[in-house]
Amino acid sequence: MTIRLPGTDGRFRTYEPRRSPLVVPTGTPFTSRTVYAAAHVVADPYADVSRDAPAAVDWDTTLAFRRHLWSHGLGVAEAMDTAQRGTGLDWAGAAELIRRSAAEAKAVGGRIACGAGTDQLAAGTLAEIRTAYEEQLAVVEGAGAQAILMASRALAATAGGPEDYLDLYGHLLHQVADPVILHWLGPMFDPALEGYWGSADLDTATEVFLEVVAAHPDKVDGVKISLLDARREIDLRRRLPRGVRCYTGDDFHYPELIAGDGKGFSHALLGVFDPLGPVAAEAVRTLDTGDTAGFHELLDPTVELSRHLFQPPTRFYKTGVVLLAWLAGHQDHFTMVGGLQSARSLPHLVKAYELADGLGLFPDPERAETRMRTLLALYGVDG
């Protein structure tokens, strides 16, 4: 059976869905790399809330999806931008998510790290920003999770220059209980973060970032680089102090960065590993055996899908991530907090379906096809 799909040119084409999924067994955590999937939240589609109201989350399904990721040996990066921090999920919702997910991780033995930022503030003084970070760090540490120090919109708007970043991050790192992951999220993911680390010049910003790490290497487990620039990430990871990991957040070049070269490699903390969880896990387990070619054979074909999901405006990649979770059967609807399911066009969503189906990512291809037909029907597409 075939399905009619609209393209970006406005014309329809016939597509024959794949009939056999890629079968990937569950497994234990990895030995050669530390890998986190940044996980999405599942909205409650029946909650009577407006677009600007606090998010209504389906907690049972949200936690079930995290158990799915843990079952494949992946860590979960919780309450990050993949979970719609700042685009539907406010700090109160994120705090509840952190508490619930950390408790679930403890119950099943899963690895978890959680984002701590300042999104309870729209704006503020440097002192208020520091207090906001401290409040969120207390929630993460109180839940028993590792902290990820997220980039702050308020700090980007308030800081007068590099010295403000050095002072604020120095203060926070001095007081954290355990080593944290520092997250450098580029403006392609969040335009409000333009000029982070005190300069729009990335070379200058890199020096400030590295100065923060070098001053507190015992308090930095690793750095997450989300700039979609493989060369810059490689250059930066070679300059990190011994023992400080580089976690790639590059959803365009992750296979080569994780595989590494003769001078090192990146670990991973990736939003695209939400839909790619099982195949990504199998690829890293293959790499654990020393089979780099087998690793690339599994993971390289996924890059086209990832580049599609993260195409500009990159910040709307979550829409494709949630679409694929619905098509794969991890949730019963295609609804997002904040109404973000409307952020991508139908042709974009159709292409995501095609690419994911071609990779065999849907455990039940017929269910995925049926759900895709339902979505098409909502747009007035017949058969």
Foldseek 3Di string as FASTA:
>chain_A
DWDWAAAPVRDIDIGDFDFFFDDFAADAAFDPFAAEAAAEFAADPPDPDDLPDATHGPVVLRLVLCVVLVRNHHAYEAPDCLNVDVQFHAPVNRLVRLLVNLVSCVVVVGAYEYEAAQRVDPADELVSRLVSSVVRLCSNVVSVHAYEYEDYLRCQVHDPALVSVLVSLLVVLVPRPAAHEYEDADCLQPVSCQCPSGGNPVVVSLVSVQVSCVVRVRRHQEYEYHPLDVVVQVVSQLPGPPRYAYAYANLQPQLDQQLDDPRDHHHHYYNVCSLVSRLLSVLSNCVSVVCSVSSCVSPVLCNVLSCLLCPPSNNLSSLLSLLSCCLQPSDPDSAHRSRSVPVDDSNSNSVNLVSCSVSSSRNRRVSSVVVNQVVVVVVVDDD
